[in-house]
Amino acid sequence: DGHAARGDAPLMFFHYDCQNGDRPQLSVRKGQAGLFTGAELAASTGCLWSPEEQEIVSQPRLDPTTVATQRTSFDREQLEAFANGDTFACFGPGFEHAKTHTRSPRIPGGRMLLQDRVTHLEQQGGPWGRGYLRAELDIAPDLWFFAGHFKNGPCMQGTLMFDGCLQALALFLASRGSTIDRDGWRFQPVPEIAYQLEWSGQVIPTSQRLVTEVFVEEVIAGPKPTVYADLLCTVDGLKPFHARRLALELVPDWPLQAMPELVAEATSDPRPVAVVDGFRFDYASLLACAWGKPSHMFGPTYSRFDGPTPTPRLPGPPFLFMSRINEVQGPIGVMKPGAKVSVDYDIPADVWYFDENTDRSMPFAVLLEAALQSCGWLSLYVGSALTTEQELGIRNLDGNGTLHCELLPDSGTLTTHVELLDVSATGSMIIQTFQVRCLLGDTPV
């Protein structure tokens, strides 16, 4: 866009746009860069910013949280636990429910984890009294990112400094319990906001320690938990980076997105399956019932649940005892008696429950679960979750059943036929009655 000079240092002014296919991904405006001598870089005074002088929102939104960590500092091992998805190991008591997660929201791990410790975490602390976090990264000459910069100009990339700030923000947001009920979600900067980022210094191999500070301005509990904060980096007393009112949010995502091999395997089965309105009810759709995007469970009918609103789910492997939907009768999304489904479950010969049972037969609990999962699937198919704005969960009440034979490793395919016999509703509570028949070929089970 232009160029100038400050003394002998040439300055450049630029903008750029990044595309992901046809989708705009990143835009930069009013960018500035320069070429400086080593002496000029060493003489930098850093960013001239302080939290005490910053004008902030006078009437902030500071939503309370029902669960917050009792910890006020974290070591590298606890931060690595957060990066590995072990939320409870990082945050401790109060976060036990996160142990049930398939894929907890997390920060980058390995060498991309850009914090060694958190020395201060205060939910209502800091100079603004709205929340504060202080993290540290020890600098050593052999850190991997120095070799990745310009030839003969080793320094920490500004993008990595920025990523470390996002990690600190994510830790603060998660410390408030924001991830506990959001299995599979992920952190991202709030899009379509122009952020003001300023670099006025560098981290080089002779630096000792990089400090990242989070000064919280606002916190929103949901439906997408969001934190707005200023971020300040300091290296050995110099302030090389400041970000004004950076916003990080938790957004819906699904564990299955991180399992492409499982999805590829699920879509490779050539056997015929039920198709309704062009949507295939194959094993991939059943995996989606456990861990995937709701519209991948039942098609557009369930697209309203692709956002923050949760929907009832089926268990995932190794507790998913359905392989494909053979046949379904009745319109999708219409909760009336008479709907029917036929479900196949291909019994593996080497599955865990044969090994762990007292003999080589399918435990009754597994057989019962296979039947009940088919009932749960039919309940979702007829649109039970679509009848209310409230979050629903599936619970079994009672029933009568007769066991006719055992299922062994060589039994083959279990077919379950389910018919919805009755539906009654009181408020948002729905009670449904089913008739279930399980067969091996023509043999009742």
Protein backbone atom coordinates (compact mmCIF):
# COMPACT_ATOMS: atom_id res chain seq x y z
CA ASP A 1 0.00 0.00 0.00
CA GLY A 2 2.96 2.34 0.54
CA HIS A 3 6.37 2.82 2.08
CA ALA A 4 8.27 5.35 4.15
CA ALA A 5 11.38 5.61 6.28
CA ARG A 6 12.09 6.27 9.92
CA GLY A 7 15.68 7.37 9.98
CA ASP A 8 17.54 4.71 8.04
CA ALA A 9 14.84 2.08 8.61
CA PRO A 10 12.54 1.43 5.63
CA LEU A 11 8.88 0.92 6.53
CA MET A 12 6.22 -0.89 4.49
CA PHE A 13 2.44 -0.59 4.68
CA PHE A 14 0.33 -3.46 3.37
CA HIS A 15 -2.86 -5.45 3.46
CA TYR A 16 -3.73 -9.02 2.50
CA ASP A 17 -6.57 -11.55 2.35
CA CYS A 18 -6.46 -15.32 2.85
CA GLN A 19 -9.00 -17.67 1.29
CA ASN A 20 -9.95 -21.23 2.24
CA GLY A 21 -11.35 -22.33 -1.08
CA ASP A 22 -14.09 -19.79 -1.76
CA ARG A 23 -14.40 -18.84 1.91
CA PRO A 24 -12.62 -15.76 3.30
CA GLN A 25 -10.39 -16.97 6.15
CA LEU A 26 -8.31 -13.97 7.25
CA SER A 27 -8.03 -10.30 6.35
CA VAL A 28 -5.32 -7.88 7.46
CA ARG A 29 -5.62 -4.12 7.04
CA LYS A 30 -3.23 -1.27 7.92
CA GLY A 31 -0.36 -3.73 8.25
CA GLN A 32 3.09 -2.28 8.95
CA ALA A 33 6.55 -3.84 8.83
CA GLY A 34 10.11 -2.58 8.67
CA LEU A 35 13.75 -3.55 8.22
CA PHE A 36 15.90 -2.79 11.24
CA THR A 37 19.48 -3.21 12.31
CA GLY A 38 20.41 -5.27 15.33
CA ALA A 39 21.17 -2.10 17.26
CA GLU A 40 17.78 -0.61 16.39
CA LEU A 41 15.99 -3.77 17.51
CA ALA A 42 17.94 -3.85 20.76
CA ALA A 43 17.04 -0.22 21.42
CA SER A 44 13.28 -0.81 21.14
CA THR A 45 11.25 0.51 24.06
CA GLY A 46 8.42 -1.97 23.40
CA CYS A 47 4.68 -1.32 23.43
CA LEU A 48 3.66 1.81 25.29
CA TRP A 49 0.60 0.27 26.92
CA SER A 50 -0.53 -0.28 30.48
CA PRO A 51 -3.81 -1.66 31.85
CA GLU A 52 -4.18 1.30 34.20
CA GLU A 53 -4.39 3.72 31.26
CA GLN A 54 -6.71 1.63 29.08
CA GLU A 55 -10.30 2.81 28.68
CA ILE A 56 -12.55 -0.23 29.10
CA VAL A 57 -16.26 -1.08 28.94
CA SER A 58 -17.94 0.75 31.81
CA GLN A 59 -20.87 -1.67 32.16
CA PRO A 60 -19.35 -5.05 31.33
CA ARG A 61 -21.10 -8.36 31.03
CA LEU A 62 -19.52 -10.58 33.68
CA ASP A 63 -21.64 -13.72 33.80
CA PRO A 64 -21.24 -15.89 36.91
CA THR A 65 -20.13 -19.48 36.66
CA THR A 66 -21.45 -22.45 38.60
CA VAL A 67 -18.08 -24.24 38.58
CA ALA A 68 -14.61 -22.71 38.70
CA THR A 69 -11.29 -24.34 39.44
CA GLN A 70 -9.93 -23.95 42.95
CA ARG A 71 -6.41 -23.79 41.55
CA THR A 72 -4.63 -20.46 41.17
CA SER A 73 -1.49 -21.75 39.44
CA PHE A 74 -0.57 -24.57 37.06
CA ASP A 75 2.65 -26.39 36.26
CA ARG A 76 3.75 -27.76 32.90
CA GLU A 77 2.33 -31.22 33.64
CA GLN A 78 -1.14 -29.78 34.32
CA LEU A 79 -0.99 -27.64 31.17
CA GLU A 80 0.01 -30.70 29.15
CA ALA A 81 -2.98 -32.53 30.64
CA PHE A 82 -5.25 -29.74 29.35
CA ALA A 83 -3.57 -29.97 25.92
CA ASN A 84 -4.12 -33.75 25.91
CA GLY A 85 -7.82 -33.41 26.75
CA ASP A 86 -7.58 -34.44 30.41
CA THR A 87 -9.60 -31.54 31.77
CA PHE A 88 -9.99 -32.99 35.26
CA ALA A 89 -6.25 -33.57 35.69
CA CYS A 90 -5.66 -29.93 34.85
CA PHE A 91 -8.41 -28.21 36.84
CA GLY A 92 -9.16 -30.69 39.61
CA PRO A 93 -12.24 -31.00 41.88
CA GLY A 94 -15.48 -29.80 40.32
CA PHE A 95 -14.43 -30.95 36.85
CA GLU A 96 -15.16 -34.68 37.32
CA HIS A 97 -17.87 -34.71 34.62
CA ALA A 98 -15.19 -33.96 32.01
CA LYS A 99 -13.92 -37.51 32.54
CA THR A 100 -16.89 -38.67 30.44
CA HIS A 101 -15.75 -36.68 27.40
CA THR A 102 -14.79 -38.31 24.14
CA ARG A 103 -12.75 -35.29 23.02
CA SER A 104 -12.51 -32.40 25.47
CA PRO A 105 -11.90 -28.84 24.22
CA ARG A 106 -8.16 -28.27 24.43
CA ILE A 107 -5.16 -26.16 23.50
CA PRO A 108 -2.28 -27.26 21.23
CA GLY A 109 0.15 -29.75 22.73
CA GLY A 110 3.70 -30.90 22.20
CA ARG A 111 6.07 -28.21 21.03
CA MET A 112 3.09 -25.99 20.15
CA LEU A 113 2.25 -25.66 23.86
CA LEU A 114 3.75 -22.23 24.42
CA GLN A 115 3.40 -21.96 28.21
CA ASP A 116 5.56 -23.67 30.83
CA ARG A 117 3.53 -22.58 33.85
CA VAL A 118 0.74 -20.31 35.04
CA THR A 119 1.78 -18.37 38.13
CA HIS A 120 -1.47 -16.46 38.74
CA LEU A 121 -5.13 -17.18 38.00
CA GLU A 122 -7.75 -14.90 39.55
CA GLN A 123 -11.40 -15.11 38.49
CA GLN A 124 -12.14 -11.55 39.67
CA GLY A 125 -8.59 -10.22 39.99
CA GLY A 126 -6.22 -8.04 38.03
CA PRO A 127 -6.12 -4.25 37.79
CA TRP A 128 -9.64 -4.19 36.32
CA GLY A 129 -11.04 -6.58 38.95
CA ARG A 130 -12.66 -8.74 36.26
CA GLY A 131 -10.19 -11.60 35.90
CA TYR A 132 -6.47 -12.06 35.44
CA LEU A 133 -4.01 -14.74 34.33
CA ARG A 134 -0.21 -14.70 34.14
CA ALA A 135 1.74 -17.40 32.27
CA GLU A 136 5.44 -17.95 31.63
CA LEU A 137 7.54 -19.59 28.92
CA ASP A 138 11.23 -20.19 29.57
CA ILE A 139 13.39 -19.21 26.58
CA ALA A 140 16.43 -21.25 25.56
CA PRO A 141 18.68 -20.91 22.48
CA ASP A 142 17.67 -24.37 21.19
CA LEU A 143 13.90 -23.76 21.09
CA TRP A 144 12.54 -25.13 17.83
CA PHE A 145 10.96 -21.98 16.45
CA PHE A 146 14.19 -19.96 16.25
CA ALA A 147 15.41 -22.08 13.32
CA GLY A 148 12.12 -21.48 11.52
CA HIS A 149 12.56 -17.71 11.22
CA PHE A 150 14.49 -15.76 8.58
CA LYS A 151 18.00 -17.00 7.82
CA ASN A 152 20.50 -15.49 10.25
CA GLY A 153 17.66 -13.73 12.05
CA PRO A 154 16.41 -16.12 14.77
CA CYS A 155 13.48 -14.83 16.78
CA MET A 156 10.09 -16.05 17.94
CA GLN A 157 7.50 -15.58 15.22
CA GLY A 158 4.83 -13.05 16.07
CA THR A 159 2.17 -15.58 15.10
CA LEU A 160 3.46 -17.94 17.80
CA MET A 161 3.42 -15.14 20.35
CA PHE A 162 -0.20 -14.54 19.37
CA ASP A 163 -1.01 -18.26 19.61
CA GLY A 164 0.41 -18.34 23.12
CA CYS A 165 -2.00 -15.55 24.00
CA LEU A 166 -4.92 -17.58 22.64
CA GLN A 167 -3.78 -20.54 24.75
CA ALA A 168 -3.76 -18.37 27.88
CA LEU A 169 -7.26 -17.10 27.04
CA ALA A 170 -8.49 -20.66 26.50
CA LEU A 171 -7.11 -21.71 29.87
CA PHE A 172 -8.92 -18.85 31.59
CA LEU A 173 -12.22 -19.64 29.85
CA ALA A 174 -11.91 -23.35 30.65
CA SER A 175 -11.01 -22.62 34.29
CA ARG A 176 -14.56 -21.27 34.69
CA GLY A 177 -16.02 -24.70 33.87
CA SER A 178 -17.04 -23.65 30.37
CA THR A 179 -15.94 -26.91 28.76
CA ILE A 180 -17.48 -29.34 31.26
CA ASP A 181 -20.79 -29.78 29.39
CA ARG A 182 -19.32 -29.16 25.93
CA ASP A 183 -17.66 -32.37 24.82
CA GLY A 184 -16.17 -32.02 21.34
CA TRP A 185 -16.36 -28.22 21.22
CA ARG A 186 -13.32 -26.13 20.29
CA PHE A 187 -11.82 -22.72 20.94
CA GLN A 188 -11.55 -20.06 18.25
CA PRO A 189 -11.12 -16.29 18.05
CA VAL A 190 -14.52 -14.66 17.56
CA PRO A 191 -14.74 -14.06 13.79
CA GLU A 192 -15.62 -10.86 11.93
CA ILE A 193 -13.98 -8.60 14.53
CA ALA A 194 -11.07 -6.32 13.61
CA TYR A 195 -8.44 -6.92 16.29
CA GLN A 196 -5.72 -4.38 16.99
CA LEU A 197 -2.38 -6.20 17.32
CA GLU A 198 0.91 -4.43 17.94
CA TRP A 199 4.43 -5.90 17.94
CA SER A 200 7.22 -3.61 19.16
CA GLY A 201 9.91 -6.01 20.28
CA GLN A 202 11.26 -9.52 19.85
CA VAL A 203 12.07 -12.75 21.63
CA ILE A 204 15.56 -13.95 20.64
CA PRO A 205 17.80 -16.87 21.71
CA THR A 206 19.44 -14.78 24.45
CA SER A 207 16.08 -13.87 26.01
CA GLN A 208 15.29 -15.47 29.35
CA ARG A 209 11.53 -15.56 29.89
CA LEU A 210 8.35 -14.62 28.03
CA VAL A 211 5.45 -13.58 30.25
CA THR A 212 1.87 -13.53 28.92
CA GLU A 213 -0.78 -11.62 30.88
CA VAL A 214 -4.54 -11.75 30.40
CA PHE A 215 -6.58 -8.73 31.54
CA VAL A 216 -10.23 -9.77 31.37
CA GLU A 217 -12.76 -7.14 30.28
CA GLU A 218 -15.93 -9.22 29.77
CA VAL A 219 -17.00 -12.86 30.17
CA ILE A 220 -20.14 -14.39 28.63
CA ALA A 221 -21.29 -17.79 29.89
CA GLY A 222 -23.27 -18.91 26.84
CA PRO A 223 -24.71 -20.20 24.67
CA LYS A 224 -21.18 -19.83 23.26
CA PRO A 225 -18.87 -19.07 26.20
CA THR A 226 -16.75 -16.04 25.30
CA VAL A 227 -14.05 -13.98 26.97
CA TYR A 228 -12.91 -10.49 25.94
CA ALA A 229 -9.52 -9.46 27.23
CA ASP A 230 -6.37 -7.47 26.58
CA LEU A 231 -3.23 -9.57 26.16
CA LEU A 232 0.24 -8.31 27.00
CA CYS A 233 3.52 -10.13 26.41
CA THR A 234 6.65 -9.11 28.29
CA VAL A 235 10.14 -10.49 27.70
CA ASP A 236 12.78 -9.66 30.30
CA GLY A 237 10.96 -6.44 31.21
CA LEU A 238 10.24 -5.31 27.61
CA LYS A 239 6.70 -5.35 26.20
CA PRO A 240 6.99 -6.79 22.67
CA PHE A 241 3.28 -7.48 22.02
CA HIS A 242 -0.15 -6.15 22.95
CA ALA A 243 -3.59 -7.16 21.69
CA ARG A 244 -6.58 -4.97 22.46
CA ARG A 245 -9.88 -6.65 23.40
CA LEU A 246 -9.09 -10.03 21.92
CA ALA A 247 -12.16 -12.30 21.97
CA LEU A 248 -12.06 -16.08 22.27
CA GLU A 249 -15.13 -18.31 22.16
CA LEU A 250 -16.10 -21.95 22.52
CA VAL A 251 -18.01 -23.15 19.47
CA PRO A 252 -19.82 -26.42 18.75
CA ASP A 253 -17.77 -29.14 17.14
CA TRP A 254 -18.05 -32.90 17.26
CA PRO A 255 -15.55 -35.61 18.26
CA LEU A 256 -16.16 -37.46 15.00
CA GLN A 257 -14.55 -34.57 13.12
CA ALA A 258 -11.22 -35.71 14.61
CA MET A 259 -11.74 -39.36 13.52
CA PRO A 260 -11.55 -39.32 9.69
CA GLU A 261 -10.29 -42.92 9.55
CA LEU A 262 -13.34 -44.16 11.45
CA VAL A 263 -15.68 -42.22 9.15
CA ALA A 264 -13.94 -43.57 6.04
CA GLU A 265 -14.30 -47.13 7.32
CA ALA A 266 -17.97 -46.53 8.17
CA THR A 267 -18.81 -45.33 4.66
CA SER A 268 -17.04 -48.21 2.87
CA ASP A 269 -19.65 -50.91 3.66
CA PRO A 270 -21.38 -51.80 0.35
CA ARG A 271 -24.42 -53.47 1.95
CA PRO A 272 -27.79 -51.77 1.32
CA VAL A 273 -29.30 -49.53 3.99
CA ALA A 274 -32.52 -47.61 4.48
CA VAL A 275 -32.74 -44.28 2.65
CA VAL A 276 -35.26 -41.58 3.55
CA ASP A 277 -35.51 -38.34 1.57
CA GLY A 278 -32.11 -39.09 0.06
CA PHE A 279 -30.39 -39.61 3.43
CA ARG A 280 -28.58 -42.93 4.01
CA PHE A 281 -28.88 -44.54 7.44
CA ASP A 282 -25.56 -46.38 7.32
CA TYR A 283 -22.97 -46.94 10.03
CA ALA A 284 -21.60 -43.43 9.50
CA SER A 285 -25.00 -41.99 10.43
CA LEU A 286 -25.05 -44.17 13.56
CA LEU A 287 -21.59 -42.93 14.55
CA ALA A 288 -22.94 -39.42 14.11
CA CYS A 289 -25.73 -40.31 16.56
CA ALA A 290 -22.97 -40.74 19.13
CA TRP A 291 -20.21 -38.29 18.22
CA GLY A 292 -21.13 -36.42 15.06
CA LYS A 293 -22.93 -33.39 13.74
CA PRO A 294 -26.68 -33.76 14.39
CA SER A 295 -27.60 -33.14 10.74
CA HIS A 296 -25.36 -36.13 9.91
CA MET A 297 -27.56 -38.27 12.18
CA PHE A 298 -30.90 -37.74 10.44
CA GLY A 299 -30.26 -35.20 7.71
CA PRO A 300 -31.69 -31.66 7.56
CA THR A 301 -34.45 -32.60 10.03
CA TYR A 302 -31.92 -32.25 12.87
CA SER A 303 -29.97 -29.25 11.53
CA ARG A 304 -31.38 -27.04 14.33
CA PHE A 305 -29.09 -28.98 16.69
CA ASP A 306 -25.95 -28.19 14.68
CA GLY A 307 -25.49 -25.17 16.94
CA PRO A 308 -25.13 -24.91 20.73
CA THR A 309 -28.44 -26.69 21.52
CA PRO A 310 -27.70 -30.33 22.45
CA THR A 311 -29.73 -33.32 21.32
CA PRO A 312 -30.11 -36.80 22.87
CA ARG A 313 -27.40 -39.20 21.72
CA LEU A 314 -26.62 -42.88 21.37
CA PRO A 315 -23.50 -44.38 22.98
CA GLY A 316 -20.34 -44.52 20.88
CA PRO A 317 -17.99 -47.45 20.30
CA PRO A 318 -17.24 -49.76 22.03
CA PHE A 319 -20.77 -49.44 23.42
CA LEU A 320 -22.58 -48.84 20.11
CA PHE A 321 -24.37 -52.08 19.22
CA MET A 322 -25.89 -51.10 15.86
CA SER A 323 -24.31 -51.52 12.41
CA ARG A 324 -26.91 -50.16 9.98
CA ILE A 325 -30.60 -49.41 9.51
CA ASN A 326 -32.15 -52.01 7.20
CA GLU A 327 -35.62 -50.61 6.88
CA VAL A 328 -37.69 -47.82 8.38
CA GLN A 329 -41.42 -47.23 8.05
CA GLY A 330 -43.13 -43.95 8.77
CA PRO A 331 -42.23 -40.33 7.98
CA ILE A 332 -39.21 -38.76 9.64
CA GLY A 333 -39.97 -36.08 12.22
CA VAL A 334 -43.58 -37.20 12.83
CA MET A 335 -44.08 -38.51 16.38
CA LYS A 336 -47.00 -40.90 15.94
CA PRO A 337 -47.51 -44.59 16.80
CA GLY A 338 -46.93 -47.07 14.00
CA ALA A 339 -43.37 -46.11 13.05
CA LYS A 340 -41.09 -49.13 12.63
CA VAL A 341 -37.39 -49.81 12.18
CA SER A 342 -35.25 -52.86 11.44
CA VAL A 343 -31.66 -52.64 12.72
CA ASP A 344 -28.70 -54.95 12.04
CA TYR A 345 -25.83 -55.48 14.45
CA ASP A 346 -22.90 -57.51 13.08
CA ILE A 347 -21.58 -59.36 16.13
CA PRO A 348 -17.75 -59.33 16.07
CA ALA A 349 -16.11 -62.64 16.96
CA ASP A 350 -13.29 -60.94 18.89
CA VAL A 351 -15.19 -58.17 20.66
CA TRP A 352 -14.35 -57.15 24.23
CA TYR A 353 -17.52 -58.40 25.94
CA PHE A 354 -16.88 -62.02 24.92
CA ASP A 355 -13.42 -61.82 26.48
CA GLU A 356 -14.64 -60.18 29.67
CA ASN A 357 -17.72 -62.33 30.27
CA THR A 358 -17.52 -65.46 32.45
CA ASP A 359 -18.13 -67.56 29.33
CA ARG A 360 -17.95 -66.91 25.59
CA SER A 361 -21.47 -65.57 25.20
CA MET A 362 -22.93 -62.08 24.82
CA PRO A 363 -23.80 -60.66 28.26
CA PHE A 364 -27.50 -60.00 28.72
CA ALA A 365 -26.74 -56.32 29.37
CA VAL A 366 -25.22 -56.03 25.88
CA LEU A 367 -28.20 -57.74 24.24
CA LEU A 368 -30.58 -55.50 26.15
CA GLU A 369 -28.56 -52.44 25.17
CA ALA A 370 -28.69 -53.42 21.48
CA ALA A 371 -32.49 -53.57 21.71
CA LEU A 372 -32.77 -50.33 23.67
CA GLN A 373 -30.46 -48.43 21.32
CA SER A 374 -32.77 -49.37 18.46
CA CYS A 375 -35.70 -47.95 20.46
CA GLY A 376 -33.75 -44.78 21.16
CA TRP A 377 -32.90 -44.41 17.48
CA LEU A 378 -36.57 -44.73 16.47
CA SER A 379 -37.53 -42.18 19.13
CA LEU A 380 -35.09 -39.69 17.60
CA TYR A 381 -36.18 -40.57 14.05
CA VAL A 382 -39.82 -39.65 14.74
CA GLY A 383 -38.65 -36.27 16.06
CA SER A 384 -39.06 -36.54 19.82
CA ALA A 385 -36.27 -34.02 20.40
CA LEU A 386 -37.94 -31.60 17.97
CA THR A 387 -41.07 -31.19 20.09
CA THR A 388 -39.55 -28.84 22.69
CA GLU A 389 -36.88 -26.18 23.09
CA GLN A 390 -35.74 -27.83 26.31
CA GLU A 391 -32.81 -30.24 26.47
CA LEU A 392 -34.03 -33.85 26.64
CA GLY A 393 -32.37 -37.05 27.79
CA ILE A 394 -33.44 -40.65 27.14
CA ARG A 395 -34.15 -42.86 30.15
CA ASN A 396 -35.56 -46.40 30.28
CA LEU A 397 -38.52 -47.04 32.58
CA ASP A 398 -39.73 -50.66 32.50
CA GLY A 399 -40.69 -53.58 30.28
CA ASN A 400 -41.12 -57.34 29.99
CA GLY A 401 -38.82 -59.55 27.95
CA THR A 402 -38.12 -63.21 27.25
CA LEU A 403 -34.66 -64.58 26.42
CA HIS A 404 -34.80 -67.51 23.96
CA CYS A 405 -31.15 -68.25 23.16
CA GLU A 406 -27.57 -67.19 23.72
CA LEU A 407 -25.47 -65.19 21.29
CA LEU A 408 -21.98 -66.56 20.61
CA PRO A 409 -18.92 -65.26 18.73
CA ASP A 410 -20.02 -67.09 15.57
CA SER A 411 -23.68 -66.02 15.75
CA GLY A 412 -23.39 -63.53 12.90
CA THR A 413 -25.87 -60.68 12.59
CA LEU A 414 -28.46 -59.74 15.21
CA THR A 415 -31.53 -58.06 13.69
CA THR A 416 -33.77 -55.98 15.94
CA HIS A 417 -37.30 -55.01 14.87
CA VAL A 418 -38.89 -52.12 16.80
CA GLU A 419 -42.38 -50.65 16.52
CA LEU A 420 -43.54 -47.49 18.28
CA LEU A 421 -46.84 -48.50 19.91
CA ASP A 422 -47.85 -45.47 21.95
CA VAL A 423 -46.86 -41.86 22.65
CA SER A 424 -48.00 -39.68 25.53
CA ALA A 425 -46.67 -36.29 26.57
CA THR A 426 -46.98 -34.16 29.69
CA GLY A 427 -45.29 -30.82 29.30
CA SER A 428 -41.86 -31.51 27.84
CA MET A 429 -41.81 -35.11 29.18
CA ILE A 430 -42.55 -37.77 26.56
CA ILE A 431 -43.32 -41.41 27.37
CA GLN A 432 -43.12 -43.89 24.50
CA THR A 433 -43.97 -47.58 24.39
CA PHE A 434 -42.22 -49.99 22.03
CA GLN A 435 -42.54 -53.58 20.89
CA VAL A 436 -39.17 -55.22 20.25
CA ARG A 437 -38.20 -58.50 18.54
CA CYS A 438 -34.57 -59.62 18.22
CA LEU A 439 -33.73 -62.35 15.69
CA LEU A 440 -30.82 -64.37 14.34
CA GLY A 441 -32.16 -64.99 10.86
CA ASP A 442 -35.59 -66.44 11.68
CA THR A 443 -34.62 -67.60 15.18
CA PRO A 444 -36.02 -65.55 18.08
CA VAL A 445 -33.42 -64.30 20.53
